[in-house]
């Protein structure tokens, strides 16, 4: 089952600098360090993951959180969903994979309750 939490990755050149901008200009809250820097409007369950790196064509940056990612992957595959990256433990520590919709938009399936 997908949780109520949601995050969307936004590719930026410097996530610390971007987080400061969201805080100072928009009044957002922030947390994290290194790869996993999040910003969000106060009180919101929706968060932006400020991800340093190169743009990935098709990757929406939208993540859906589930309790057991491998189990959810199996359910979705049984329904014909194509995974562009299988669910596995990632170098940065989370368990996640990526799947596409019929139009080629790619979404993250991430284990956990949310950002």
C-alpha atoms as a PDB file:
ATOM      1  CA  UNK A   1       0.000   0.000   0.000  1.00  0.00           C
ATOM      2  CA  UNK A   2       1.316   3.431  -0.928  1.00  0.00           C
ATOM      3  CA  UNK A   3       1.735   5.849   2.029  1.00  0.00           C
ATOM      4  CA  UNK A   4       0.362   9.409   2.232  1.00  0.00           C
ATOM      5  CA  UNK A   5       3.864  10.866   2.066  1.00  0.00           C
ATOM      6  CA  UNK A   6       5.188  11.978  -1.311  1.00  0.00           C
ATOM      7  CA  UNK A   7       8.395  13.541  -2.561  1.00  0.00           C
ATOM      8  CA  UNK A   8       9.541  14.793  -5.926  1.00  0.00           C
ATOM      9  CA  UNK A   9      13.189  15.116  -6.870  1.00  0.00           C
ATOM     10  CA  UNK A  10      14.347  18.350  -8.417  1.00  0.00           C
ATOM     11  CA  UNK A  11      17.776  18.228 -10.035  1.00  0.00           C
ATOM     12  CA  UNK A  12      19.905  21.167  -8.853  1.00  0.00           C
ATOM     13  CA  UNK A  13      23.547  22.179  -9.202  1.00  0.00           C
ATOM     14  CA  UNK A  14      24.074  22.736  -5.432  1.00  0.00           C
ATOM     15  CA  UNK A  15      21.513  21.288  -3.025  1.00  0.00           C
ATOM     16  CA  UNK A  16      22.699  23.255   0.026  1.00  0.00           C
ATOM     17  CA  UNK A  17      22.522  26.549  -1.884  1.00  0.00           C
ATOM     18  CA  UNK A  18      19.081  25.613  -3.263  1.00  0.00           C
ATOM     19  CA  UNK A  19      17.808  24.617   0.208  1.00  0.00           C
ATOM     20  CA  UNK A  20      18.884  28.011   1.587  1.00  0.00           C
ATOM     21  CA  UNK A  21      16.991  29.725  -1.248  1.00  0.00           C
ATOM     22  CA  UNK A  22      13.802  27.759  -0.486  1.00  0.00           C
ATOM     23  CA  UNK A  23      14.166  28.627   3.219  1.00  0.00           C
ATOM     24  CA  UNK A  24      14.998  32.333   2.807  1.00  0.00           C
ATOM     25  CA  UNK A  25      12.779  33.205  -0.141  1.00  0.00           C
ATOM     26  CA  UNK A  26       9.780  30.872   0.233  1.00  0.00           C
ATOM     27  CA  UNK A  27       9.899  30.245   3.997  1.00  0.00           C
ATOM     28  CA  UNK A  28      10.212  26.463   3.559  1.00  0.00           C
ATOM     29  CA  UNK A  29      11.587  24.077   6.163  1.00  0.00           C
ATOM     30  CA  UNK A  30      14.517  21.814   5.302  1.00  0.00           C
ATOM     31  CA  UNK A  31      16.376  18.773   6.535  1.00  0.00           C
ATOM     32  CA  UNK A  32      19.130  16.451   5.455  1.00  0.00           C
ATOM     33  CA  UNK A  33      22.691  16.540   4.308  1.00  0.00           C
ATOM     34  CA  UNK A  34      24.737  15.066   1.509  1.00  0.00           C
ATOM     35  CA  UNK A  35      22.578  13.439  -1.165  1.00  0.00           C
ATOM     36  CA  UNK A  36      19.260  13.542   0.725  1.00  0.00           C
ATOM     37  CA  UNK A  37      18.321  17.219   1.179  1.00  0.00           C
ATOM     38  CA  UNK A  38      14.577  17.934   1.517  1.00  0.00           C
ATOM     39  CA  UNK A  39      12.556  21.161   1.506  1.00  0.00           C
ATOM     40  CA  UNK A  40       8.820  21.644   2.076  1.00  0.00           C
ATOM     41  CA  UNK A  41       6.220  24.233   2.978  1.00  0.00           C
ATOM     42  CA  UNK A  42       5.606  24.258   6.742  1.00  0.00           C
ATOM     43  CA  UNK A  43       3.038  21.612   7.704  1.00  0.00           C
ATOM     44  CA  UNK A  44       3.105  19.850   4.316  1.00  0.00           C
ATOM     45  CA  UNK A  45       3.515  16.103   3.724  1.00  0.00           C
ATOM     46  CA  UNK A  46       4.779  16.827   0.199  1.00  0.00           C
ATOM     47  CA  UNK A  47       8.533  17.377   0.023  1.00  0.00           C
ATOM     48  CA  UNK A  48      11.050  18.274  -2.670  1.00  0.00           C
ATOM     49  CA  UNK A  49      14.255  16.234  -2.744  1.00  0.00           C
ATOM     50  CA  UNK A  50      16.981  18.616  -3.962  1.00  0.00           C
ATOM     51  CA  UNK A  51      19.111  16.155  -5.876  1.00  0.00           C
ATOM     52  CA  UNK A  52      22.518  17.242  -7.168  1.00  0.00           C
ATOM     53  CA  UNK A  53      23.329  15.708 -10.506  1.00  0.00           C
ATOM     54  CA  UNK A  54      22.607  15.368 -14.183  1.00  0.00           C
ATOM     55  CA  UNK A  55      19.091  15.396 -15.591  1.00  0.00           C
ATOM     56  CA  UNK A  56      17.720  11.905 -16.274  1.00  0.00           C
ATOM     57  CA  UNK A  57      15.349  11.894 -19.278  1.00  0.00           C
ATOM     58  CA  UNK A  58      11.946  10.435 -18.386  1.00  0.00           C
ATOM     59  CA  UNK A  59      12.590  10.512 -14.626  1.00  0.00           C
ATOM     60  CA  UNK A  60       9.748  12.509 -13.076  1.00  0.00           C
ATOM     61  CA  UNK A  61      11.474  12.641  -9.695  1.00  0.00           C
ATOM     62  CA  UNK A  62       8.194  11.549  -8.073  1.00  0.00           C
ATOM     63  CA  UNK A  63       8.488   8.861  -5.406  1.00  0.00           C
ATOM     64  CA  UNK A  64       5.796   6.575  -4.006  1.00  0.00           C
ATOM     65  CA  UNK A  65       6.536   5.112  -0.562  1.00  0.00           C
ATOM     66  CA  UNK A  66       5.597   1.554   0.407  1.00  0.00           C
ATOM     67  CA  UNK A  67       6.193  -0.701   3.400  1.00  0.00           C
ATOM     68  CA  UNK A  68       7.821  -3.522   1.411  1.00  0.00           C
ATOM     69  CA  UNK A  69       9.238  -2.419  -1.952  1.00  0.00           C
ATOM     70  CA  UNK A  70      10.127  -5.926  -3.205  1.00  0.00           C
ATOM     71  CA  UNK A  71       6.611  -7.173  -2.459  1.00  0.00           C
ATOM     72  CA  UNK A  72       5.035  -4.157  -4.184  1.00  0.00           C
ATOM     73  CA  UNK A  73       7.362  -4.597  -7.158  1.00  0.00           C
ATOM     74  CA  UNK A  74       6.139  -8.207  -7.556  1.00  0.00           C
ATOM     75  CA  UNK A  75       2.482  -7.095  -7.394  1.00  0.00           C
ATOM     76  CA  UNK A  76       3.034  -4.364  -9.985  1.00  0.00           C
ATOM     77  CA  UNK A  77       4.999  -6.658 -12.319  1.00  0.00           C
ATOM     78  CA  UNK A  78       2.132  -9.176 -12.129  1.00  0.00           C
ATOM     79  CA  UNK A  79      -0.090  -6.368 -13.446  1.00  0.00           C
ATOM     80  CA  UNK A  80       2.259  -5.735 -16.364  1.00  0.00           C
ATOM     81  CA  UNK A  81       4.169  -2.752 -14.955  1.00  0.00           C
ATOM     82  CA  UNK A  82       7.678  -2.391 -16.452  1.00  0.00           C
ATOM     83  CA  UNK A  83      10.494  -1.644 -14.010  1.00  0.00           C
ATOM     84  CA  UNK A  84      13.284   0.414 -15.563  1.00  0.00           C
ATOM     85  CA  UNK A  85      15.446  -0.267 -12.499  1.00  0.00           C
ATOM     86  CA  UNK A  86      14.688  -3.214 -10.198  1.00  0.00           C
ATOM     87  CA  UNK A  87      14.087  -2.692  -6.497  1.00  0.00           C
ATOM     88  CA  UNK A  88      17.397  -3.033  -4.626  1.00  0.00           C
ATOM     89  CA  UNK A  89      19.417  -1.435  -1.845  1.00  0.00           C
ATOM     90  CA  UNK A  90      20.889   1.741  -3.323  1.00  0.00           C
ATOM     91  CA  UNK A  91      24.430   3.075  -2.699  1.00  0.00           C
ATOM     92  CA  UNK A  92      22.934   5.932  -0.620  1.00  0.00           C
ATOM     93  CA  UNK A  93      21.151   3.436   1.685  1.00  0.00           C
ATOM     94  CA  UNK A  94      17.493   3.249   0.702  1.00  0.00           C
ATOM     95  CA  UNK A  95      15.680   0.350  -0.934  1.00  0.00           C
ATOM     96  CA  UNK A  96      14.093   1.513  -4.160  1.00  0.00           C
ATOM     97  CA  UNK A  97      13.473   0.892  -7.829  1.00  0.00           C
ATOM     98  CA  UNK A  98      11.980   2.734 -10.781  1.00  0.00           C
ATOM     99  CA  UNK A  99       9.010   1.908 -12.978  1.00  0.00           C
ATOM    100  CA  UNK A 100       7.412   3.518 -16.004  1.00  0.00           C
ATOM    101  CA  UNK A 101       3.853   4.296 -16.980  1.00  0.00           C
ATOM    102  CA  UNK A 102       2.523   3.568 -20.491  1.00  0.00           C
ATOM    103  CA  UNK A 103       3.863   6.932 -21.757  1.00  0.00           C
ATOM    104  CA  UNK A 104       7.417   6.323 -20.523  1.00  0.00           C
ATOM    105  CA  UNK A 105       7.245   8.578 -17.461  1.00  0.00           C
ATOM    106  CA  UNK A 106       9.453   7.052 -14.768  1.00  0.00           C
ATOM    107  CA  UNK A 107       8.523   6.977 -11.069  1.00  0.00           C
ATOM    108  CA  UNK A 108      10.378   5.821  -7.949  1.00  0.00           C
ATOM    109  CA  UNK A 109       9.078   3.053  -5.681  1.00  0.00           C
ATOM    110  CA  UNK A 110      10.741   3.567  -2.315  1.00  0.00           C
ATOM    111  CA  UNK A 111      10.602   1.517   0.850  1.00  0.00           C
ATOM    112  CA  UNK A 112       9.622   3.488   3.940  1.00  0.00           C
ATOM    113  CA  UNK A 113       6.912   5.760   5.240  1.00  0.00           C
ATOM    114  CA  UNK A 114       8.139   8.856   3.428  1.00  0.00           C
ATOM    115  CA  UNK A 115      10.764  11.532   3.412  1.00  0.00           C
END
